[in-house]
C-alpha cells in the first residue's frame, strides 16, 4: 500500500491559520478534492472537525483520545501505524494523509510520495508542514498552476 501526503504549503512552510487557509485558491482545493474523492484518507481530529463535508470516501481520524463516530465511513486510529494497518486490512492500495501539522509530521517516515501544492508567497499561520531531509527525496515532477506549483516528491530509495 502506498502512503501519500497531500498538502498545500506556502513558500515559508505554512499550511494553515486556525480553521482557515491563509490563501484563496479554489482551483487548488478542487484538484485536492478530486484527487482523494472515493479514497481513504487519514486526517487529524482537529482538521477533521473543520470540515462540513470531509474529503475522501472514508476517513481515518488520528487522535490520541479514543473516539467513536456515528458515520460508518469514519474510523478512529490512536497511532499512525494503526491507521496504516486499518487501511491495509481494508485492502486499500493508497492512503492519503491530509493533515494537520502533527499528523503530517507523525507520518513522515511512512510516506512513499508527497504531493505538495507549493503556494506562491509567504503567509502567516499557526500550522506548518514538517521539514524533511531533501537528501531522502527526489522532486519527480512539477506542474505550474495559477498561484501554486504542484510538486511530486518520491523517496530517493524507492
Protein backbone atom coordinates (compact mmCIF):
# COMPACT_ATOMS: atom_id res chain seq x y z
CA UNK A 1 0.00 0.00 0.00
CA UNK A 2 1.22 3.48 -0.87
CA UNK A 3 1.10 6.27 1.73
CA UNK A 4 0.89 9.73 0.17
CA UNK A 5 0.91 13.14 1.84
CA UNK A 6 -1.27 15.76 0.13
CA UNK A 7 -0.83 19.35 1.30
CA UNK A 8 -0.91 22.97 0.21
CA UNK A 9 2.25 24.59 1.59
CA UNK A 10 3.34 28.21 1.29
CA UNK A 11 6.93 29.09 0.44
CA UNK A 12 7.63 29.56 4.16
CA UNK A 13 6.06 26.23 5.15
CA UNK A 14 2.66 27.46 6.41
CA UNK A 15 -0.28 25.12 5.81
CA UNK A 16 -2.98 26.85 7.83
CA UNK A 17 -4.05 29.54 10.22
CA UNK A 18 -6.51 28.27 12.79
CA UNK A 19 -9.51 26.78 11.00
CA UNK A 20 -8.74 28.51 7.69
CA UNK A 21 -6.25 28.61 4.86
CA UNK A 22 -4.42 31.94 4.62
CA UNK A 23 -4.84 31.99 0.82
CA UNK A 24 -7.75 31.69 -1.58
CA UNK A 25 -7.06 29.12 -4.32
CA UNK A 26 -10.39 27.47 -5.24
CA UNK A 27 -8.88 25.57 -8.18
CA UNK A 28 -6.24 24.02 -5.90
CA UNK A 29 -8.97 22.96 -3.45
CA UNK A 30 -10.98 21.45 -6.32
CA UNK A 31 -7.96 19.44 -7.55
CA UNK A 32 -7.22 18.33 -3.99
CA UNK A 33 -10.79 17.08 -3.51
CA UNK A 34 -10.84 15.35 -6.91
CA UNK A 35 -7.59 13.53 -6.10
CA UNK A 36 -8.95 11.99 -2.89
CA UNK A 37 -12.59 11.53 -3.93
CA UNK A 38 -13.53 7.89 -3.50
CA UNK A 39 -10.34 7.21 -1.50
CA UNK A 40 -9.38 6.51 2.11
CA UNK A 41 -7.84 9.49 3.86
CA UNK A 42 -6.04 9.91 7.15
CA UNK A 43 -6.76 13.15 8.94
CA UNK A 44 -6.19 14.55 12.40
CA UNK A 45 -9.07 15.11 14.81
CA UNK A 46 -8.88 18.91 14.77
CA UNK A 47 -8.55 19.08 10.98
CA UNK A 48 -11.43 16.61 10.58
CA UNK A 49 -13.59 18.86 12.76
CA UNK A 50 -13.00 21.82 10.42
CA UNK A 51 -14.84 20.17 7.52
CA UNK A 52 -18.59 20.24 6.98
CA UNK A 53 -18.02 17.77 4.15
CA UNK A 54 -14.80 15.86 4.86
CA UNK A 55 -12.70 14.88 1.82
CA UNK A 56 -12.43 11.27 0.70
CA UNK A 57 -14.91 8.41 0.81
CA UNK A 58 -13.54 7.03 4.09
CA UNK A 59 -11.81 8.97 6.83
CA UNK A 60 -9.46 7.50 9.40
CA UNK A 61 -9.22 10.08 12.16
CA UNK A 62 -5.94 10.06 14.07
CA UNK A 63 -6.35 11.05 17.71
CA UNK A 64 -4.71 10.01 20.97
CA UNK A 65 -8.16 10.11 22.60
CA UNK A 66 -10.36 7.12 21.86
CA UNK A 67 -13.36 8.27 19.84
CA UNK A 68 -16.38 6.86 18.10
CA UNK A 69 -18.25 8.33 15.18
CA UNK A 70 -21.86 7.96 14.05
CA UNK A 71 -20.85 7.91 10.39
CA UNK A 72 -19.77 4.36 9.37
CA UNK A 73 -17.25 5.82 6.88
CA UNK A 74 -15.28 7.37 9.78
CA UNK A 75 -12.89 5.27 11.90
CA UNK A 76 -10.67 6.22 14.83
CA UNK A 77 -6.98 5.33 14.97
CA UNK A 78 -4.83 6.01 18.03
CA UNK A 79 -1.44 5.81 16.26
CA UNK A 80 -0.04 6.24 12.74
CA UNK A 81 0.81 2.55 12.46
CA UNK A 82 -2.75 1.63 13.46
CA UNK A 83 -4.17 3.91 10.76
CA UNK A 84 -1.94 2.31 8.13
CA UNK A 85 -2.94 -1.15 9.35
CA UNK A 86 -6.66 -0.25 9.13
CA UNK A 87 -6.27 0.89 5.52
CA UNK A 88 -4.19 -2.18 4.65
CA UNK A 89 -6.71 -4.54 6.29
CA UNK A 90 -9.44 -2.96 4.15
CA UNK A 91 -7.44 -3.77 1.03
CA UNK A 92 -6.73 -0.16 0.12
CA UNK A 93 -3.95 0.46 -2.38
CA UNK A 94 -3.44 4.06 -1.25
CA UNK A 95 -3.79 6.02 1.98
CA UNK A 96 -3.82 9.80 1.55
CA UNK A 97 -2.60 11.81 4.54
CA UNK A 98 -4.33 15.20 4.73
CA UNK A 99 -3.03 16.82 7.92
CA UNK A 100 -2.86 18.72 10.14
CA UNK A 101 0.66 19.61 11.05
CA UNK A 102 1.18 16.96 13.74
CA UNK A 103 -0.28 14.22 11.55
CA UNK A 104 1.98 15.16 8.63
CA UNK A 105 4.97 15.02 10.97
CA UNK A 106 3.98 11.71 12.57
CA UNK A 107 3.51 10.03 9.17
CA UNK A 108 6.64 11.45 7.53
CA UNK A 109 8.67 8.21 7.99
CA UNK A 110 5.87 6.25 6.27
CA UNK A 111 5.39 8.33 3.09
CA UNK A 112 6.12 6.84 -0.29
CA UNK A 113 5.24 10.10 -2.04
CA UNK A 114 4.31 13.67 -1.20
CA UNK A 115 2.07 15.80 -3.42
CA UNK A 116 2.71 19.35 -2.31
CA UNK A 117 0.90 22.32 -3.79
CA UNK A 118 3.62 24.90 -3.26
CA UNK A 119 1.59 28.10 -2.81
CA UNK A 120 3.34 31.15 -4.22
CA UNK A 121 4.21 33.66 -1.50
CA UNK A 122 4.81 33.63 2.22
CA UNK A 123 1.91 33.67 4.68
CA UNK A 124 1.31 33.99 8.40
CA UNK A 125 -0.17 30.95 10.06
CA UNK A 126 -0.06 28.69 13.09
CA UNK A 127 0.41 25.35 11.30
CA UNK A 128 3.39 24.27 9.22
CA UNK A 129 4.31 21.31 7.05
CA UNK A 130 7.19 19.41 8.67
CA UNK A 131 10.71 19.94 7.40
CA UNK A 132 12.01 16.91 5.54
CA UNK A 133 15.52 15.91 4.57
CA UNK A 134 15.69 16.64 0.85
CA UNK A 135 18.53 14.12 0.51
CA UNK A 136 15.91 11.42 1.21
CA UNK A 137 13.57 12.69 -1.52
CA UNK A 138 13.59 13.34 -5.26
CA UNK A 139 11.45 16.04 -6.86
CA UNK A 140 9.96 13.83 -9.59
CA UNK A 141 7.62 16.31 -11.24
CA UNK A 142 6.47 19.93 -11.12
CA UNK A 143 3.34 21.37 -12.72
CA UNK A 144 2.67 25.10 -12.61
CA UNK A 145 -0.84 26.40 -11.95
CA UNK A 146 -2.17 29.87 -11.25
CA UNK A 147 -0.99 30.70 -7.71
CA UNK A 148 0.84 27.46 -6.95
CA UNK A 149 3.10 24.74 -8.32
CA UNK A 150 2.21 21.09 -7.75
CA UNK A 151 5.32 19.17 -6.69
CA UNK A 152 5.50 15.38 -6.64
CA UNK A 153 8.20 14.10 -4.31
CA UNK A 154 9.28 10.45 -4.25
CA UNK A 155 11.56 8.69 -1.81
CA UNK A 156 15.13 8.67 -3.12
CA UNK A 157 15.48 4.98 -2.21
CA UNK A 158 12.17 3.99 -3.82
